[in-house]
C-alpha atoms as a PDB file:
ATOM      1  CA  UNK A   1      -0.040   0.348   0.244  1.00  0.00           C
ATOM      2  CA  UNK A   2       1.730   3.190  -1.016  1.00  0.00           C
ATOM      3  CA  UNK A   3       1.446   6.292   1.266  1.00  0.00           C
ATOM      4  CA  UNK A   4      -0.854   9.312   1.350  1.00  0.00           C
ATOM      5  CA  UNK A   5       0.465  12.137  -0.554  1.00  0.00           C
ATOM      6  CA  UNK A   6      -0.195  13.942   2.114  1.00  0.00           C
ATOM      7  CA  UNK A   7      -1.169  14.606   5.373  1.00  0.00           C
ATOM      8  CA  UNK A   8      -4.988  15.141   6.804  1.00  0.00           C
ATOM      9  CA  UNK A   9      -6.287  17.200  10.086  1.00  0.00           C
ATOM     10  CA  UNK A  10      -6.712  15.233  13.156  1.00  0.00           C
ATOM     11  CA  UNK A  11     -10.617  14.569  14.145  1.00  0.00           C
ATOM     12  CA  UNK A  12     -10.647  14.239  17.803  1.00  0.00           C
ATOM     13  CA  UNK A  13     -12.280  11.714  19.355  1.00  0.00           C
ATOM     14  CA  UNK A  14     -15.543  12.393  21.957  1.00  0.00           C
ATOM     15  CA  UNK A  15     -14.700  11.670  25.383  1.00  0.00           C
ATOM     16  CA  UNK A  16     -16.695   9.331  26.846  1.00  0.00           C
ATOM     17  CA  UNK A  17     -18.058   9.470  30.435  1.00  0.00           C
ATOM     18  CA  UNK A  18     -16.377   5.965  32.685  1.00  0.00           C
ATOM     19  CA  UNK A  19     -14.277   5.511  29.306  1.00  0.00           C
ATOM     20  CA  UNK A  20      -9.893   5.851  28.508  1.00  0.00           C
ATOM     21  CA  UNK A  21     -10.919   5.180  24.873  1.00  0.00           C
ATOM     22  CA  UNK A  22     -12.431   7.772  22.780  1.00  0.00           C
ATOM     23  CA  UNK A  23     -15.458   7.739  19.854  1.00  0.00           C
ATOM     24  CA  UNK A  24     -14.165   8.556  17.304  1.00  0.00           C
ATOM     25  CA  UNK A  25     -16.584  10.972  15.047  1.00  0.00           C
ATOM     26  CA  UNK A  26     -18.194   9.287  11.530  1.00  0.00           C
ATOM     27  CA  UNK A  27     -20.964  10.611  10.307  1.00  0.00           C
ATOM     28  CA  UNK A  28     -22.853  14.087  11.552  1.00  0.00           C
ATOM     29  CA  UNK A  29     -26.410  13.773  10.785  1.00  0.00           C
ATOM     30  CA  UNK A  30     -28.658  16.746  11.895  1.00  0.00           C
ATOM     31  CA  UNK A  31     -32.521  17.405  12.244  1.00  0.00           C
ATOM     32  CA  UNK A  32     -34.487  20.407  11.112  1.00  0.00           C
ATOM     33  CA  UNK A  33     -36.784  21.965  12.482  1.00  0.00           C
ATOM     34  CA  UNK A  34     -37.326  19.281  16.112  1.00  0.00           C
ATOM     35  CA  UNK A  35     -39.408  21.495  18.299  1.00  0.00           C
ATOM     36  CA  UNK A  36     -42.186  23.014  17.347  1.00  0.00           C
ATOM     37  CA  UNK A  37     -41.218  26.884  19.078  1.00  0.00           C
ATOM     38  CA  UNK A  38     -38.180  26.833  17.053  1.00  0.00           C
ATOM     39  CA  UNK A  39     -39.890  26.369  13.908  1.00  0.00           C
ATOM     40  CA  UNK A  40     -42.379  28.906  14.211  1.00  0.00           C
ATOM     41  CA  UNK A  41     -38.888  31.755  15.267  1.00  0.00           C
ATOM     42  CA  UNK A  42     -37.731  30.829  11.614  1.00  0.00           C
ATOM     43  CA  UNK A  43     -41.099  31.272  10.091  1.00  0.00           C
ATOM     44  CA  UNK A  44     -41.953  27.680   9.595  1.00  0.00           C
ATOM     45  CA  UNK A  45     -45.282  25.084  10.895  1.00  0.00           C
ATOM     46  CA  UNK A  46     -43.937  22.065  12.279  1.00  0.00           C
ATOM     47  CA  UNK A  47     -44.476  18.935   9.848  1.00  0.00           C
ATOM     48  CA  UNK A  48     -45.241  15.527  11.195  1.00  0.00           C
ATOM     49  CA  UNK A  49     -45.523  13.888   7.248  1.00  0.00           C
ATOM     50  CA  UNK A  50     -41.341  12.749   8.110  1.00  0.00           C
ATOM     51  CA  UNK A  51     -37.777  14.202   9.851  1.00  0.00           C
ATOM     52  CA  UNK A  52     -35.637  15.536   7.536  1.00  0.00           C
ATOM     53  CA  UNK A  53     -31.957  16.216   7.819  1.00  0.00           C
ATOM     54  CA  UNK A  54     -28.665  17.895   7.059  1.00  0.00           C
ATOM     55  CA  UNK A  55     -24.792  16.965   7.958  1.00  0.00           C
ATOM     56  CA  UNK A  56     -21.997  18.552   8.681  1.00  0.00           C
ATOM     57  CA  UNK A  57     -18.942  17.219   8.473  1.00  0.00           C
ATOM     58  CA  UNK A  58     -16.575  15.297  10.823  1.00  0.00           C
ATOM     59  CA  UNK A  59     -14.126  17.276  10.174  1.00  0.00           C
ATOM     60  CA  UNK A  60     -15.350  20.768  11.230  1.00  0.00           C
ATOM     61  CA  UNK A  61     -16.584  19.168  14.537  1.00  0.00           C
ATOM     62  CA  UNK A  62     -14.522  19.979  17.744  1.00  0.00           C
ATOM     63  CA  UNK A  63     -14.503  19.160  21.282  1.00  0.00           C
ATOM     64  CA  UNK A  64     -16.284  20.959  24.204  1.00  0.00           C
ATOM     65  CA  UNK A  65     -14.086  23.770  25.996  1.00  0.00           C
ATOM     66  CA  UNK A  66     -12.135  25.353  22.612  1.00  0.00           C
ATOM     67  CA  UNK A  67     -11.660  28.543  21.248  1.00  0.00           C
ATOM     68  CA  UNK A  68     -12.372  29.309  17.595  1.00  0.00           C
ATOM     69  CA  UNK A  69     -12.741  31.857  15.851  1.00  0.00           C
ATOM     70  CA  UNK A  70     -15.266  33.682  14.224  1.00  0.00           C
ATOM     71  CA  UNK A  71     -16.168  32.053  11.126  1.00  0.00           C
ATOM     72  CA  UNK A  72     -15.675  34.066   7.607  1.00  0.00           C
ATOM     73  CA  UNK A  73     -18.232  34.897   5.076  1.00  0.00           C
ATOM     74  CA  UNK A  74     -21.148  35.836   7.689  1.00  0.00           C
ATOM     75  CA  UNK A  75     -22.837  38.899  10.185  1.00  0.00           C
ATOM     76  CA  UNK A  76     -24.860  36.513  11.919  1.00  0.00           C
ATOM     77  CA  UNK A  77     -23.506  33.263  13.785  1.00  0.00           C
ATOM     78  CA  UNK A  78     -25.735  31.121  15.704  1.00  0.00           C
ATOM     79  CA  UNK A  79     -25.776  29.086  18.444  1.00  0.00           C
ATOM     80  CA  UNK A  80     -28.126  25.688  18.594  1.00  0.00           C
ATOM     81  CA  UNK A  81     -27.885  23.546  22.057  1.00  0.00           C
ATOM     82  CA  UNK A  82     -28.656  19.857  20.703  1.00  0.00           C
ATOM     83  CA  UNK A  83     -28.464  16.873  22.333  1.00  0.00           C
ATOM     84  CA  UNK A  84     -27.199  14.104  20.665  1.00  0.00           C
ATOM     85  CA  UNK A  85     -26.875  10.783  20.171  1.00  0.00           C
ATOM     86  CA  UNK A  86     -23.659   8.369  19.317  1.00  0.00           C
ATOM     87  CA  UNK A  87     -24.805   5.191  17.056  1.00  0.00           C
ATOM     88  CA  UNK A  88     -23.261   1.648  18.682  1.00  0.00           C
ATOM     89  CA  UNK A  89     -23.690  -0.499  16.221  1.00  0.00           C
ATOM     90  CA  UNK A  90     -25.198  -1.355  12.726  1.00  0.00           C
ATOM     91  CA  UNK A  91     -28.907  -0.825  12.430  1.00  0.00           C
ATOM     92  CA  UNK A  92     -30.243  -0.788   9.228  1.00  0.00           C
ATOM     93  CA  UNK A  93     -34.283  -0.235   8.353  1.00  0.00           C
ATOM     94  CA  UNK A  94     -34.612  -0.378  12.368  1.00  0.00           C
ATOM     95  CA  UNK A  95     -38.235  -0.889  14.020  1.00  0.00           C
ATOM     96  CA  UNK A  96     -38.677   1.739  16.767  1.00  0.00           C
ATOM     97  CA  UNK A  97     -37.785  -1.115  19.627  1.00  0.00           C
ATOM     98  CA  UNK A  98     -34.403  -2.514  18.270  1.00  0.00           C
ATOM     99  CA  UNK A  99     -33.126   1.785  17.398  1.00  0.00           C
ATOM    100  CA  UNK A 100     -32.911   2.010  20.953  1.00  0.00           C
ATOM    101  CA  UNK A 101     -31.132  -1.269  21.018  1.00  0.00           C
ATOM    102  CA  UNK A 102     -28.344   1.138  18.456  1.00  0.00           C
ATOM    103  CA  UNK A 103     -28.021   3.853  20.659  1.00  0.00           C
ATOM    104  CA  UNK A 104     -24.300   3.367  22.663  1.00  0.00           C
ATOM    105  CA  UNK A 105     -24.632   7.124  24.477  1.00  0.00           C
ATOM    106  CA  UNK A 106     -25.724  11.002  24.673  1.00  0.00           C
ATOM    107  CA  UNK A 107     -24.362  13.991  24.583  1.00  0.00           C
ATOM    108  CA  UNK A 108     -24.380  17.643  24.710  1.00  0.00           C
ATOM    109  CA  UNK A 109     -23.596  19.485  21.085  1.00  0.00           C
ATOM    110  CA  UNK A 110     -24.304  22.941  19.105  1.00  0.00           C
ATOM    111  CA  UNK A 111     -24.643  22.888  15.969  1.00  0.00           C
ATOM    112  CA  UNK A 112     -22.685  26.630  15.100  1.00  0.00           C
ATOM    113  CA  UNK A 113     -24.404  28.079  11.719  1.00  0.00           C
ATOM    114  CA  UNK A 114     -23.955  31.017   9.539  1.00  0.00           C
ATOM    115  CA  UNK A 115     -27.793  32.066   9.592  1.00  0.00           C
ATOM    116  CA  UNK A 116     -27.914  35.064   7.402  1.00  0.00           C
ATOM    117  CA  UNK A 117     -26.079  32.084   4.679  1.00  0.00           C
ATOM    118  CA  UNK A 118     -28.111  29.339   5.144  1.00  0.00           C
ATOM    119  CA  UNK A 119     -31.411  31.494   4.795  1.00  0.00           C
ATOM    120  CA  UNK A 120     -29.893  33.260   1.847  1.00  0.00           C
ATOM    121  CA  UNK A 121     -29.210  29.740  -0.227  1.00  0.00           C
ATOM    122  CA  UNK A 122     -32.578  29.094   1.565  1.00  0.00           C
ATOM    123  CA  UNK A 123     -34.740  31.200  -0.071  1.00  0.00           C
ATOM    124  CA  UNK A 124     -33.050  30.698  -3.679  1.00  0.00           C
ATOM    125  CA  UNK A 125     -33.782  26.897  -2.380  1.00  0.00           C
ATOM    126  CA  UNK A 126     -30.179  26.100  -2.910  1.00  0.00           C
ATOM    127  CA  UNK A 127     -28.668  23.440  -0.280  1.00  0.00           C
ATOM    128  CA  UNK A 128     -27.543  25.219   3.201  1.00  0.00           C
ATOM    129  CA  UNK A 129     -23.965  23.785   3.463  1.00  0.00           C
ATOM    130  CA  UNK A 130     -22.215  27.602   2.964  1.00  0.00           C
ATOM    131  CA  UNK A 131     -24.668  28.273   6.348  1.00  0.00           C
ATOM    132  CA  UNK A 132     -24.357  24.597   8.368  1.00  0.00           C
ATOM    133  CA  UNK A 133     -21.121  22.580   7.450  1.00  0.00           C
ATOM    134  CA  UNK A 134     -18.627  25.758   8.844  1.00  0.00           C
ATOM    135  CA  UNK A 135     -15.304  24.805  10.291  1.00  0.00           C
ATOM    136  CA  UNK A 136     -15.894  24.116  14.215  1.00  0.00           C
ATOM    137  CA  UNK A 137     -18.909  24.146  13.950  1.00  0.00           C
ATOM    138  CA  UNK A 138     -20.389  20.870  15.216  1.00  0.00           C
ATOM    139  CA  UNK A 139     -19.221  20.902  19.040  1.00  0.00           C
ATOM    140  CA  UNK A 140     -19.511  18.139  20.485  1.00  0.00           C
ATOM    141  CA  UNK A 141     -19.080  17.226  25.044  1.00  0.00           C
ATOM    142  CA  UNK A 142     -17.856  14.417  26.282  1.00  0.00           C
ATOM    143  CA  UNK A 143     -20.620  10.862  25.846  1.00  0.00           C
ATOM    144  CA  UNK A 144     -22.493   9.714  28.703  1.00  0.00           C
ATOM    145  CA  UNK A 145     -23.427   5.439  27.833  1.00  0.00           C
ATOM    146  CA  UNK A 146     -27.051   4.760  27.784  1.00  0.00           C
ATOM    147  CA  UNK A 147     -27.215   2.721  30.520  1.00  0.00           C
ATOM    148  CA  UNK A 148     -26.412   5.517  32.478  1.00  0.00           C
ATOM    149  CA  UNK A 149     -28.900   8.140  31.438  1.00  0.00           C
ATOM    150  CA  UNK A 150     -32.248   8.142  29.175  1.00  0.00           C
ATOM    151  CA  UNK A 151     -34.048  11.632  27.397  1.00  0.00           C
ATOM    152  CA  UNK A 152     -37.420  11.250  29.411  1.00  0.00           C
ATOM    153  CA  UNK A 153     -39.598  14.070  28.001  1.00  0.00           C
ATOM    154  CA  UNK A 154     -38.646  15.976  31.896  1.00  0.00           C
ATOM    155  CA  UNK A 155     -34.467  16.136  31.771  1.00  0.00           C
ATOM    156  CA  UNK A 156     -34.014  20.708  30.761  1.00  0.00           C
ATOM    157  CA  UNK A 157     -31.614  21.417  27.562  1.00  0.00           C
ATOM    158  CA  UNK A 158     -30.946  25.035  28.190  1.00  0.00           C
ATOM    159  CA  UNK A 159     -28.090  27.641  26.353  1.00  0.00           C
ATOM    160  CA  UNK A 160     -26.452  30.151  27.849  1.00  0.00           C
ATOM    161  CA  UNK A 161     -24.327  33.079  26.043  1.00  0.00           C
ATOM    162  CA  UNK A 162     -21.683  35.062  29.312  1.00  0.00           C
ATOM    163  CA  UNK A 163     -24.168  33.932  31.639  1.00  0.00           C
ATOM    164  CA  UNK A 164     -27.609  34.881  29.920  1.00  0.00           C
ATOM    165  CA  UNK A 165     -29.644  32.308  29.726  1.00  0.00           C
ATOM    166  CA  UNK A 166     -31.127  32.288  25.664  1.00  0.00           C
ATOM    167  CA  UNK A 167     -31.915  28.908  25.564  1.00  0.00           C
ATOM    168  CA  UNK A 168     -34.449  26.839  27.655  1.00  0.00           C
ATOM    169  CA  UNK A 169     -36.847  23.947  27.534  1.00  0.00           C
ATOM    170  CA  UNK A 170     -37.303  20.924  27.906  1.00  0.00           C
ATOM    171  CA  UNK A 171     -37.009  17.955  25.693  1.00  0.00           C
ATOM    172  CA  UNK A 172     -40.887  17.209  25.790  1.00  0.00           C
ATOM    173  CA  UNK A 173     -41.018  19.478  23.362  1.00  0.00           C
ATOM    174  CA  UNK A 174     -38.744  17.242  20.344  1.00  0.00           C
ATOM    175  CA  UNK A 175     -41.025  16.419  17.820  1.00  0.00           C
ATOM    176  CA  UNK A 176     -39.492  13.250  16.774  1.00  0.00           C
ATOM    177  CA  UNK A 177     -38.433  11.176  19.444  1.00  0.00           C
ATOM    178  CA  UNK A 178     -34.695   9.474  19.401  1.00  0.00           C
ATOM    179  CA  UNK A 179     -36.590   5.769  18.953  1.00  0.00           C
ATOM    180  CA  UNK A 180     -38.628   7.574  15.458  1.00  0.00           C
ATOM    181  CA  UNK A 181     -35.025   9.806  14.132  1.00  0.00           C
ATOM    182  CA  UNK A 182     -32.840   6.478  14.872  1.00  0.00           C
ATOM    183  CA  UNK A 183     -35.316   4.184  12.889  1.00  0.00           C
ATOM    184  CA  UNK A 184     -36.285   6.711  10.322  1.00  0.00           C
ATOM    185  CA  UNK A 185     -33.133   7.162   9.271  1.00  0.00           C
ATOM    186  CA  UNK A 186     -31.690   3.805   9.361  1.00  0.00           C
ATOM    187  CA  UNK A 187     -34.266   3.064   5.905  1.00  0.00           C
ATOM    188  CA  UNK A 188     -31.722   5.585   3.835  1.00  0.00           C
ATOM    189  CA  UNK A 189     -28.291   4.662   5.801  1.00  0.00           C
ATOM    190  CA  UNK A 190     -26.236   1.494   7.251  1.00  0.00           C
ATOM    191  CA  UNK A 191     -26.051   3.265  10.617  1.00  0.00           C
ATOM    192  CA  UNK A 192     -23.141   2.535  11.882  1.00  0.00           C
ATOM    193  CA  UNK A 193     -20.432   3.291  15.005  1.00  0.00           C
ATOM    194  CA  UNK A 194     -19.007   6.495  14.645  1.00  0.00           C
ATOM    195  CA  UNK A 195     -22.812   7.963  13.076  1.00  0.00           C
ATOM    196  CA  UNK A 196     -23.925  10.930  15.279  1.00  0.00           C
ATOM    197  CA  UNK A 197     -27.035  12.469  14.849  1.00  0.00           C
ATOM    198  CA  UNK A 198     -27.361  15.496  16.423  1.00  0.00           C
ATOM    199  CA  UNK A 199     -31.608  15.863  17.527  1.00  0.00           C
ATOM    200  CA  UNK A 200     -32.804  20.103  16.803  1.00  0.00           C
ATOM    201  CA  UNK A 201     -33.049  22.515  18.761  1.00  0.00           C
ATOM    202  CA  UNK A 202     -35.259  24.931  21.425  1.00  0.00           C
ATOM    203  CA  UNK A 203     -36.164  28.199  20.046  1.00  0.00           C
ATOM    204  CA  UNK A 204     -34.520  31.091  21.500  1.00  0.00           C
ATOM    205  CA  UNK A 205     -31.780  31.156  19.024  1.00  0.00           C
ATOM    206  CA  UNK A 206     -29.587  33.662  18.466  1.00  0.00           C
ATOM    207  CA  UNK A 207     -26.303  35.632  17.114  1.00  0.00           C
ATOM    208  CA  UNK A 208     -23.241  35.606  19.088  1.00  0.00           C
ATOM    209  CA  UNK A 209     -19.866  37.925  18.523  1.00  0.00           C
ATOM    210  CA  UNK A 210     -16.360  37.449  19.236  1.00  0.00           C
ATOM    211  CA  UNK A 211     -15.337  36.734  22.822  1.00  0.00           C
ATOM    212  CA  UNK A 212     -18.801  35.709  23.675  1.00  0.00           C
ATOM    213  CA  UNK A 213     -18.559  31.793  25.197  1.00  0.00           C
ATOM    214  CA  UNK A 214     -21.595  29.922  24.856  1.00  0.00           C
ATOM    215  CA  UNK A 215     -22.155  27.793  28.060  1.00  0.00           C
ATOM    216  CA  UNK A 216     -25.165  24.947  27.688  1.00  0.00           C
ATOM    217  CA  UNK A 217     -26.374  21.648  29.091  1.00  0.00           C
ATOM    218  CA  UNK A 218     -29.026  18.543  29.114  1.00  0.00           C
ATOM    219  CA  UNK A 219     -30.013  17.610  32.608  1.00  0.00           C
ATOM    220  CA  UNK A 220     -27.451  14.471  33.645  1.00  0.00           C
ATOM    221  CA  UNK A 221     -24.955  14.561  31.100  1.00  0.00           C
ATOM    222  CA  UNK A 222     -21.581  17.074  30.497  1.00  0.00           C
ATOM    223  CA  UNK A 223     -21.790  20.679  30.083  1.00  0.00           C
ATOM    224  CA  UNK A 224     -20.746  22.480  27.170  1.00  0.00           C
ATOM    225  CA  UNK A 225     -18.352  25.389  26.122  1.00  0.00           C
ATOM    226  CA  UNK A 226     -17.321  27.659  23.181  1.00  0.00           C
ATOM    227  CA  UNK A 227     -15.543  30.625  23.287  1.00  0.00           C
ATOM    228  CA  UNK A 228     -14.844  32.260  20.351  1.00  0.00           C
ATOM    229  CA  UNK A 229     -11.931  34.770  19.314  1.00  0.00           C
ATOM    230  CA  UNK A 230     -11.465  37.389  16.938  1.00  0.00           C
ATOM    231  CA  UNK A 231     -11.591  36.311  12.920  1.00  0.00           C
ATOM    232  CA  UNK A 232      -8.713  35.351  11.836  1.00  0.00           C
END
């Protein structure tokens, strides 16, 4: 086997509570408009026909606690607090019961978004990649194994900017539940270990800028933090 022509940037593994080894990041799937109030604030009605998805590149993932530069090409960079789930075994066309068994762990995540570019491209009926698949814009906190935590409806999900609460909801507000998402997505992809699913954000999204510190959490999971620095 020949050597590679060049070396790609390192993709971090996500720490797992109680494990020495980390969880490798493979594919990142994101569920769109999965909280009714957030859909409304973005000018959309809830669609219960089927969930829809966009993706982020593993190369754009960073871990909680990172300090990252404000991204180029935007004047409206938004936070989105999310519950993420990590797949732990191969599954394809899973039933909702089978879907639960495919989930290895849960964690807090941030889906950072160039909102101005997302809306511009959406209005032109173009893909959202410039708005969503942004460098350093998929942020993951340490994971907790599914046997040690479960997504009950009363679990609070929240986000703060410089200590001020911006998003505050519970998992009861998820339109598509964990088992529904895994079951549906596995009808289109052979899901496998390394796949991460970000399950959507509550209402209260908004802009941040250089110097802002974003914190957030879901009850019982390790919290998340991201600091924005000056643009490069």
